[in-house]
Each structure stands twice: as structure tokens, then as C-alpha cells.
Amino acid sequence: CAASGRTGSTYAVGWFRQAPGNERDFVATIRW
């Protein structure tokens, strides 16, 4: 996941996933 722009205001980056017919679910997160 490549970030650009105002990353100085980012506190965490997370990964979510969504299978067909499902909600977008949390996978993992990391502090920036």
C-alpha cells in the first residue's frame, strides 16, 4: 500500500477485505 500526499497527518494504516456478498472486514492495522 503506497501512500502519497499529506501522510504527515496519518496515524494508522489498516487493511480490510471484502468478499462478494460480504461486509468489508478488518484484517490488520499498524501505527504510522
PDB file of all heavy atoms in Angstrom:
ATOM      1  N   CYS A   1       0.867  -1.174   0.000  1.00  0.00           N
ATOM      2  CA  CYS A   1       0.000   0.000   0.000  1.00  0.00           C
ATOM      3  C   CYS A   1       0.905   1.226   0.000  1.00  0.00           C
ATOM      4  O   CYS A   1       1.540   1.528   1.014  1.00  0.00           O
ATOM      5  CB  CYS A   1      -0.908  -0.007   1.226  1.00  0.00           C
ATOM      6  SG  CYS A   1      -1.879   1.502   1.444  1.00  0.00           S
ATOM      7  N   ALA A   2       0.984   1.881  -1.136  1.00  0.00           N
ATOM      8  CA  ALA A   2       1.836   3.060  -1.272  1.00  0.00           C
ATOM      9  C   ALA A   2       1.013   4.308  -0.992  1.00  0.00           C
ATOM     10  O   ALA A   2      -0.035   4.521  -1.628  1.00  0.00           O
ATOM     11  CB  ALA A   2       2.429   3.113  -2.668  1.00  0.00           C
ATOM     12  N   ALA A   3       1.489   5.122  -0.053  1.00  0.00           N
ATOM     13  CA  ALA A   3       0.779   6.335   0.342  1.00  0.00           C
ATOM     14  C   ALA A   3       1.499   7.556  -0.204  1.00  0.00           C
ATOM     15  O   ALA A   3       2.727   7.605  -0.273  1.00  0.00           O
ATOM     16  CB  ALA A   3       0.689   6.415   1.864  1.00  0.00           C
ATOM     17  N   SER A   4       0.707   8.549  -0.573  1.00  0.00           N
ATOM     18  CA  SER A   4       1.264   9.828  -1.020  1.00  0.00           C
ATOM     19  C   SER A   4       0.332  10.939  -0.577  1.00  0.00           C
ATOM     20  O   SER A   4      -0.795  10.703  -0.146  1.00  0.00           O
ATOM     21  CB  SER A   4       1.452   9.843  -2.536  1.00  0.00           C
ATOM     22  OG  SER A   4       0.214   9.661  -3.185  1.00  0.00           O
ATOM     23  N   GLY A   5       0.819  12.176  -0.683  1.00  0.00           N
ATOM     24  CA  GLY A   5       0.033  13.315  -0.246  1.00  0.00           C
ATOM     25  C   GLY A   5       0.367  13.680   1.188  1.00  0.00           C
ATOM     26  O   GLY A   5       1.516  13.596   1.603  1.00  0.00           O
ATOM     27  N   ARG A   6      -0.633  14.051   1.954  1.00  0.00           N
ATOM     28  CA  ARG A   6      -0.417  14.566   3.309  1.00  0.00           C
ATOM     29  C   ARG A   6      -0.303  13.424   4.319  1.00  0.00           C
ATOM     30  O   ARG A   6      -1.092  13.304   5.251  1.00  0.00           O
ATOM     31  CB  ARG A   6      -1.544  15.519   3.688  1.00  0.00           C
ATOM     32  CG  ARG A   6      -1.636  16.729   2.757  1.00  0.00           C
ATOM     33  CD  ARG A   6      -2.718  17.690   3.191  1.00  0.00           C
ATOM     34  NE  ARG A   6      -2.426  18.281   4.491  1.00  0.00           N
ATOM     35  CZ  ARG A   6      -3.217  19.147   5.104  1.00  0.00           C
ATOM     36  NH1 ARG A   6      -4.348  19.531   4.529  1.00  0.00           N
ATOM     37  NH2 ARG A   6      -2.899  19.641   6.279  1.00  0.00           N
ATOM     38  N   THR A   7       0.728  12.614   4.162  1.00  0.00           N
ATOM     39  CA  THR A   7       0.905  11.480   5.076  1.00  0.00           C
ATOM     40  C   THR A   7       1.326  11.918   6.472  1.00  0.00           C
ATOM     41  O   THR A   7       1.277  11.130   7.411  1.00  0.00           O
ATOM     42  CB  THR A   7       1.937  10.500   4.508  1.00  0.00           C
ATOM     43  OG1 THR A   7       3.171  11.190   4.307  1.00  0.00           O
ATOM     44  CG2 THR A   7       1.471   9.907   3.190  1.00  0.00           C
ATOM     45  N   GLY A   8       1.736  13.162   6.604  1.00  0.00           N
ATOM     46  CA  GLY A   8       2.117  13.657   7.923  1.00  0.00           C
ATOM     47  C   GLY A   8       0.962  13.689   8.903  1.00  0.00           C
ATOM     48  O   GLY A   8       1.169  13.732  10.118  1.00  0.00           O
ATOM     49  N   SER A   9      -0.264  13.646   8.403  1.00  0.00           N
ATOM     50  CA  SER A   9      -1.440  13.650   9.272  1.00  0.00           C
ATOM     51  C   SER A   9      -2.018  12.247   9.443  1.00  0.00           C
ATOM     52  O   SER A   9      -3.124  12.083   9.932  1.00  0.00           O
ATOM     53  CB  SER A   9      -2.516  14.575   8.689  1.00  0.00           C
ATOM     54  OG  SER A   9      -2.909  14.125   7.412  1.00  0.00           O
ATOM     55  N   THR A  10      -1.252  11.230   9.048  1.00  0.00           N
ATOM     56  CA  THR A  10      -1.703   9.851   9.168  1.00  0.00           C
ATOM     57  C   THR A  10      -1.234   9.252  10.484  1.00  0.00           C
ATOM     58  O   THR A  10      -0.056   9.362  10.829  1.00  0.00           O
ATOM     59  CB  THR A  10      -1.167   9.010   7.993  1.00  0.00           C
ATOM     60  OG1 THR A  10      -1.698   9.528   6.768  1.00  0.00           O
ATOM     61  CG2 THR A  10      -1.568   7.549   8.133  1.00  0.00           C
ATOM     62  N   TYR A  11      -2.144   8.608  11.197  1.00  0.00           N
ATOM     63  CA  TYR A  11      -1.803   7.979  12.467  1.00  0.00           C
ATOM     64  C   TYR A  11      -1.816   6.455  12.406  1.00  0.00           C
ATOM     65  O   TYR A  11      -1.151   5.794  13.194  1.00  0.00           O
ATOM     66  CB  TYR A  11      -2.745   8.451  13.566  1.00  0.00           C
ATOM     67  CG  TYR A  11      -2.532   9.887  13.931  1.00  0.00           C
ATOM     68  CD1 TYR A  11      -3.398  10.879  13.492  1.00  0.00           C
ATOM     69  CD2 TYR A  11      -1.435  10.261  14.701  1.00  0.00           C
ATOM     70  CE1 TYR A  11      -3.181  12.205  13.817  1.00  0.00           C
ATOM     71  CE2 TYR A  11      -1.209  11.588  15.034  1.00  0.00           C
ATOM     72  CZ  TYR A  11      -2.082  12.551  14.586  1.00  0.00           C
ATOM     73  OH  TYR A  11      -1.862  13.864  14.899  1.00  0.00           O
ATOM     74  N   ALA A  12      -2.562   5.906  11.459  1.00  0.00           N
ATOM     75  CA  ALA A  12      -2.600   4.447  11.317  1.00  0.00           C
ATOM     76  C   ALA A  12      -2.992   4.100   9.889  1.00  0.00           C
ATOM     77  O   ALA A  12      -3.723   4.848   9.226  1.00  0.00           O
ATOM     78  CB  ALA A  12      -3.591   3.816  12.287  1.00  0.00           C
ATOM     79  N   VAL A  13      -2.504   2.962   9.436  1.00  0.00           N
ATOM     80  CA  VAL A  13      -2.903   2.417   8.135  1.00  0.00           C
ATOM     81  C   VAL A  13      -3.400   0.996   8.371  1.00  0.00           C
ATOM     82  O   VAL A  13      -2.744   0.208   9.060  1.00  0.00           O
ATOM     83  CB  VAL A  13      -1.736   2.417   7.137  1.00  0.00           C
ATOM     84  CG1 VAL A  13      -2.133   1.687   5.850  1.00  0.00           C
ATOM     85  CG2 VAL A  13      -1.320   3.845   6.811  1.00  0.00           C
ATOM     86  N   GLY A  14      -4.552   0.712   7.826  1.00  0.00           N
ATOM     87  CA  GLY A  14      -5.152  -0.591   8.025  1.00  0.00           C
ATOM     88  C   GLY A  14      -5.412  -1.316   6.716  1.00  0.00           C
ATOM     89  O   GLY A  14      -5.444  -0.694   5.640  1.00  0.00           O
ATOM     90  N   TRP A  15      -5.579  -2.616   6.829  1.00  0.00           N
ATOM     91  CA  TRP A  15      -6.019  -3.450   5.715  1.00  0.00           C
ATOM     92  C   TRP A  15      -7.395  -4.031   6.047  1.00  0.00           C
ATOM     93  O   TRP A  15      -7.618  -4.511   7.170  1.00  0.00           O
ATOM     94  CB  TRP A  15      -5.039  -4.592   5.466  1.00  0.00           C
ATOM     95  CG  TRP A  15      -3.768  -4.188   4.806  1.00  0.00           C
ATOM     96  CD1 TRP A  15      -2.579  -3.899   5.420  1.00  0.00           C
ATOM     97  CD2 TRP A  15      -3.540  -4.028   3.399  1.00  0.00           C
ATOM     98  NE1 TRP A  15      -1.637  -3.565   4.477  1.00  0.00           N
ATOM     99  CE2 TRP A  15      -2.200  -3.647   3.240  1.00  0.00           C
ATOM    100  CE3 TRP A  15      -4.339  -4.189   2.262  1.00  0.00           C
ATOM    101  CZ2 TRP A  15      -1.631  -3.408   1.979  1.00  0.00           C
ATOM    102  CZ3 TRP A  15      -3.783  -3.956   1.021  1.00  0.00           C
ATOM    103  CH2 TRP A  15      -2.453  -3.570   0.883  1.00  0.00           C
ATOM    104  N   PHE A  16      -8.274  -3.963   5.076  1.00  0.00           N
ATOM    105  CA  PHE A  16      -9.601  -4.546   5.176  1.00  0.00           C
ATOM    106  C   PHE A  16      -9.789  -5.449   3.958  1.00  0.00           C
ATOM    107  O   PHE A  16      -9.073  -5.320   2.959  1.00  0.00           O
ATOM    108  CB  PHE A  16     -10.676  -3.461   5.192  1.00  0.00           C
ATOM    109  CG  PHE A  16     -10.701  -2.658   6.464  1.00  0.00           C
ATOM    110  CD1 PHE A  16      -9.732  -1.701   6.722  1.00  0.00           C
ATOM    111  CD2 PHE A  16     -11.696  -2.861   7.410  1.00  0.00           C
ATOM    112  CE1 PHE A  16      -9.746  -0.967   7.902  1.00  0.00           C
ATOM    113  CE2 PHE A  16     -11.723  -2.136   8.587  1.00  0.00           C
ATOM    114  CZ  PHE A  16     -10.747  -1.182   8.834  1.00  0.00           C
ATOM    115  N   ARG A  17     -10.770  -6.333   4.021  1.00  0.00           N
ATOM    116  CA  ARG A  17     -11.055  -7.173   2.866  1.00  0.00           C
ATOM    117  C   ARG A  17     -12.558  -7.378   2.727  1.00  0.00           C
ATOM    118  O   ARG A  17     -13.294  -7.341   3.710  1.00  0.00           O
ATOM    119  CB  ARG A  17     -10.354  -8.528   2.980  1.00  0.00           C
ATOM    120  CG  ARG A  17     -10.807  -9.414   4.134  1.00  0.00           C
ATOM    121  CD  ARG A  17      -9.921 -10.638   4.222  1.00  0.00           C
ATOM    122  NE  ARG A  17     -10.332 -11.540   5.292  1.00  0.00           N
ATOM    123  CZ  ARG A  17      -9.656 -12.623   5.647  1.00  0.00           C
ATOM    124  NH1 ARG A  17      -8.516 -12.940   5.010  1.00  0.00           N
ATOM    125  NH2 ARG A  17     -10.101 -13.400   6.607  1.00  0.00           N
ATOM    126  N   GLN A  18     -12.955  -7.577   1.470  1.00  0.00           N
ATOM    127  CA  GLN A  18     -14.366  -7.748   1.183  1.00  0.00           C
ATOM    128  C   GLN A  18     -14.555  -8.843   0.147  1.00  0.00           C
ATOM    129  O   GLN A  18     -14.079  -8.735  -0.985  1.00  0.00           O
ATOM    130  CB  GLN A  18     -14.969  -6.429   0.670  1.00  0.00           C
ATOM    131  CG  GLN A  18     -16.461  -6.461   0.518  1.00  0.00           C
ATOM    132  CD  GLN A  18     -17.042  -5.068   0.287  1.00  0.00           C
ATOM    133  OE1 GLN A  18     -16.340  -4.128  -0.082  1.00  0.00           O
ATOM    134  NE2 GLN A  18     -18.329  -4.920   0.552  1.00  0.00           N
ATOM    135  N   ALA A  19     -15.236  -9.897   0.571  1.00  0.00           N
ATOM    136  CA  ALA A  19     -15.602 -10.986  -0.332  1.00  0.00           C
ATOM    137  C   ALA A  19     -16.986 -10.686  -0.910  1.00  0.00           C
ATOM    138  O   ALA A  19     -17.760  -9.943  -0.300  1.00  0.00           O
ATOM    139  CB  ALA A  19     -15.608 -12.309   0.418  1.00  0.00           C
ATOM    140  N   PRO A  20     -17.308 -11.263  -2.065  1.00  0.00           N
ATOM    141  CA  PRO A  20     -18.616 -10.991  -2.673  1.00  0.00           C
ATOM    142  C   PRO A  20     -19.761 -11.297  -1.721  1.00  0.00           C
ATOM    143  O   PRO A  20     -19.808 -12.364  -1.100  1.00  0.00           O
ATOM    144  CB  PRO A  20     -18.632 -11.937  -3.880  1.00  0.00           C
ATOM    145  CG  PRO A  20     -17.205 -12.122  -4.228  1.00  0.00           C
ATOM    146  CD  PRO A  20     -16.466 -12.119  -2.916  1.00  0.00           C
ATOM    147  N   GLY A  21     -20.677 -10.336  -1.584  1.00  0.00           N
ATOM    148  CA  GLY A  21     -21.837 -10.512  -0.729  1.00  0.00           C
ATOM    149  C   GLY A  21     -21.582 -10.282   0.742  1.00  0.00           C
ATOM    150  O   GLY A  21     -22.495 -10.416   1.559  1.00  0.00           O
ATOM    151  N   ASN A  22     -20.326  -9.956   1.087  1.00  0.00           N
ATOM    152  CA  ASN A  22     -19.981  -9.749   2.498  1.00  0.00           C
ATOM    153  C   ASN A  22     -19.677  -8.287   2.796  1.00  0.00           C
ATOM    154  O   ASN A  22     -19.450  -7.483   1.894  1.00  0.00           O
ATOM    155  CB  ASN A  22     -18.758 -10.593   2.864  1.00  0.00           C
ATOM    156  CG  ASN A  22     -19.074 -12.069   2.934  1.00  0.00           C
ATOM    157  OD1 ASN A  22     -20.209 -12.482   2.705  1.00  0.00           O
ATOM    158  ND2 ASN A  22     -18.065 -12.868   3.232  1.00  0.00           N
ATOM    159  N   GLU A  23     -19.627  -7.990   4.090  1.00  0.00           N
ATOM    160  CA  GLU A  23     -19.190  -6.675   4.533  1.00  0.00           C
ATOM    161  C   GLU A  23     -17.680  -6.539   4.330  1.00  0.00           C
ATOM    162  O   GLU A  23     -16.965  -7.537   4.173  1.00  0.00           O
ATOM    163  CB  GLU A  23     -19.508  -6.505   6.021  1.00  0.00           C
ATOM    164  CG  GLU A  23     -20.986  -6.555   6.375  1.00  0.00           C
ATOM    165  CD  GLU A  23     -21.672  -5.266   5.999  1.00  0.00           C
ATOM    166  OE1 GLU A  23     -21.057  -4.191   6.141  1.00  0.00           O
ATOM    167  OE2 GLU A  23     -22.835  -5.326   5.552  1.00  0.00           O
ATOM    168  N   ARG A  24     -17.210  -5.318   4.378  1.00  0.00           N
ATOM    169  CA  ARG A  24     -15.767  -5.066   4.335  1.00  0.00           C
ATOM    170  C   ARG A  24     -15.236  -5.240   5.750  1.00  0.00           C
ATOM    171  O   ARG A  24     -15.582  -4.478   6.651  1.00  0.00           O
ATOM    172  CB  ARG A  24     -15.478  -3.665   3.811  1.00  0.00           C
ATOM    173  CG  ARG A  24     -14.008  -3.425   3.493  1.00  0.00           C
ATOM    174  CD  ARG A  24     -13.801  -2.094   2.793  1.00  0.00           C
ATOM    175  NE  ARG A  24     -14.458  -2.063   1.489  1.00  0.00           N
ATOM    176  CZ  ARG A  24     -14.299  -1.075   0.613  1.00  0.00           C
ATOM    177  NH1 ARG A  24     -13.493  -0.052   0.901  1.00  0.00           N
ATOM    178  NH2 ARG A  24     -14.935  -1.094  -0.542  1.00  0.00           N
ATOM    179  N   ASP A  25     -14.419  -6.256   5.942  1.00  0.00           N
ATOM    180  CA  ASP A  25     -13.976  -6.652   7.276  1.00  0.00           C
ATOM    181  C   ASP A  25     -12.542  -6.229   7.569  1.00  0.00           C
ATOM    182  O   ASP A  25     -11.676  -6.231   6.688  1.00  0.00           O
ATOM    183  CB  ASP A  25     -14.056  -8.177   7.431  1.00  0.00           C
ATOM    184  CG  ASP A  25     -15.482  -8.687   7.395  1.00  0.00           C
ATOM    185  OD1 ASP A  25     -16.391  -7.956   7.837  1.00  0.00           O
ATOM    186  OD2 ASP A  25     -15.679  -9.824   6.921  1.00  0.00           O
ATOM    187  N   PHE A  26     -12.293  -5.957   8.816  1.00  0.00           N
ATOM    188  CA  PHE A  26     -10.958  -5.593   9.282  1.00  0.00           C
ATOM    189  C   PHE A  26     -10.014  -6.789   9.195  1.00  0.00           C
ATOM    190  O   PHE A  26     -10.398  -7.927   9.513  1.00  0.00           O
ATOM    191  CB  PHE A  26     -11.050  -5.114  10.734  1.00  0.00           C
ATOM    192  CG  PHE A  26      -9.718  -4.950  11.412  1.00  0.00           C
ATOM    193  CD1 PHE A  26      -8.917  -3.854  11.131  1.00  0.00           C
ATOM    194  CD2 PHE A  26      -9.269  -5.886  12.319  1.00  0.00           C
ATOM    195  CE1 PHE A  26      -7.689  -3.701  11.741  1.00  0.00           C
ATOM    196  CE2 PHE A  26      -8.052  -5.740  12.959  1.00  0.00           C
ATOM    197  CZ  PHE A  26      -7.256  -4.642  12.661  1.00  0.00           C
ATOM    198  N   VAL A  27      -8.772  -6.518   8.781  1.00  0.00           N
ATOM    199  CA  VAL A  27      -7.743  -7.548   8.716  1.00  0.00           C
ATOM    200  C   VAL A  27      -6.593  -7.229   9.678  1.00  0.00           C
ATOM    201  O   VAL A  27      -6.248  -8.039  10.532  1.00  0.00           O
ATOM    202  CB  VAL A  27      -7.198  -7.700   7.281  1.00  0.00           C
ATOM    203  CG1 VAL A  27      -6.048  -8.698   7.244  1.00  0.00           C
ATOM    204  CG2 VAL A  27      -8.297  -8.113   6.325  1.00  0.00           C
ATOM    205  N   ALA A  28      -6.010  -6.056   9.531  1.00  0.00           N
ATOM    206  CA  ALA A  28      -4.853  -5.679  10.349  1.00  0.00           C
ATOM    207  C   ALA A  28      -4.658  -4.178  10.265  1.00  0.00           C
ATOM    208  O   ALA A  28      -5.099  -3.533   9.314  1.00  0.00           O
ATOM    209  CB  ALA A  28      -3.592  -6.398   9.872  1.00  0.00           C
ATOM    210  N   THR A  29      -3.969  -3.631  11.269  1.00  0.00           N
ATOM    211  CA  THR A  29      -3.652  -2.214  11.265  1.00  0.00           C
ATOM    212  C   THR A  29      -2.295  -1.991  11.915  1.00  0.00           C
ATOM    213  O   THR A  29      -1.841  -2.812  12.731  1.00  0.00           O
ATOM    214  CB  THR A  29      -4.740  -1.396  11.995  1.00  0.00           C
ATOM    215  OG1 THR A  29      -4.520   0.004  11.782  1.00  0.00           O
ATOM    216  CG2 THR A  29      -4.732  -1.683  13.485  1.00  0.00           C
ATOM    217  N   ILE A  30      -1.652  -0.900  11.543  1.00  0.00           N
ATOM    218  CA  ILE A  30      -0.346  -0.566  12.091  1.00  0.00           C
ATOM    219  C   ILE A  30      -0.271   0.937  12.288  1.00  0.00           C
ATOM    220  O   ILE A  30      -0.790   1.708  11.472  1.00  0.00           O
ATOM    221  CB  ILE A  30       0.789  -1.069  11.167  1.00  0.00           C
ATOM    222  CG1 ILE A  30       2.153  -0.938  11.842  1.00  0.00           C
ATOM    223  CG2 ILE A  30       0.782  -0.348   9.822  1.00  0.00           C
ATOM    224  CD1 ILE A  30       3.260  -1.707  11.124  1.00  0.00           C
ATOM    225  N   ARG A  31       0.346   1.335  13.371  1.00  0.00           N
ATOM    226  CA  ARG A  31       0.554   2.755  13.600  1.00  0.00           C
ATOM    227  C   ARG A  31       1.562   3.280  12.581  1.00  0.00           C
ATOM    228  O   ARG A  31       2.511   2.590  12.229  1.00  0.00           O
ATOM    229  CB  ARG A  31       1.055   3.006  15.015  1.00  0.00           C
ATOM    230  CG  ARG A  31       0.029   2.702  16.077  1.00  0.00           C
ATOM    231  CD  ARG A  31       0.414   3.309  17.409  1.00  0.00           C
ATOM    232  NE  ARG A  31      -0.497   2.953  18.465  1.00  0.00           N
ATOM    233  CZ  ARG A  31      -1.638   3.604  18.713  1.00  0.00           C
ATOM    234  NH1 ARG A  31      -1.992   4.607  17.952  1.00  0.00           N
ATOM    235  NH2 ARG A  31      -2.408   3.218  19.722  1.00  0.00           N
ATOM    236  N   TRP A  32       1.348   4.521  12.143  1.00  0.00           N
ATOM    237  CA  TRP A  32       2.198   5.057  11.083  1.00  0.00           C
ATOM    238  C   TRP A  32       3.563   5.466  11.601  1.00  0.00           C
ATOM    239  O   TRP A  32       4.577   5.229  10.962  1.00  0.00           O
ATOM    240  CB  TRP A  32       1.493   6.249  10.440  1.00  0.00           C
ATOM    241  CG  TRP A  32       2.205   6.833   9.265  1.00  0.00           C
ATOM    242  CD1 TRP A  32       2.802   8.053   9.187  1.00  0.00           C
ATOM    243  CD2 TRP A  32       2.414   6.205   7.995  1.00  0.00           C
ATOM    244  NE1 TRP A  32       3.352   8.225   7.941  1.00  0.00           N
ATOM    245  CE2 TRP A  32       3.131   7.114   7.196  1.00  0.00           C
ATOM    246  CE3 TRP A  32       2.064   4.971   7.451  1.00  0.00           C
ATOM    247  CZ2 TRP A  32       3.493   6.827   5.883  1.00  0.00           C
ATOM    248  CZ3 TRP A  32       2.435   4.686   6.149  1.00  0.00           C
ATOM    249  CH2 TRP A  32       3.143   5.600   5.377  1.00  0.00           C
TER     250      TRP A  32
END
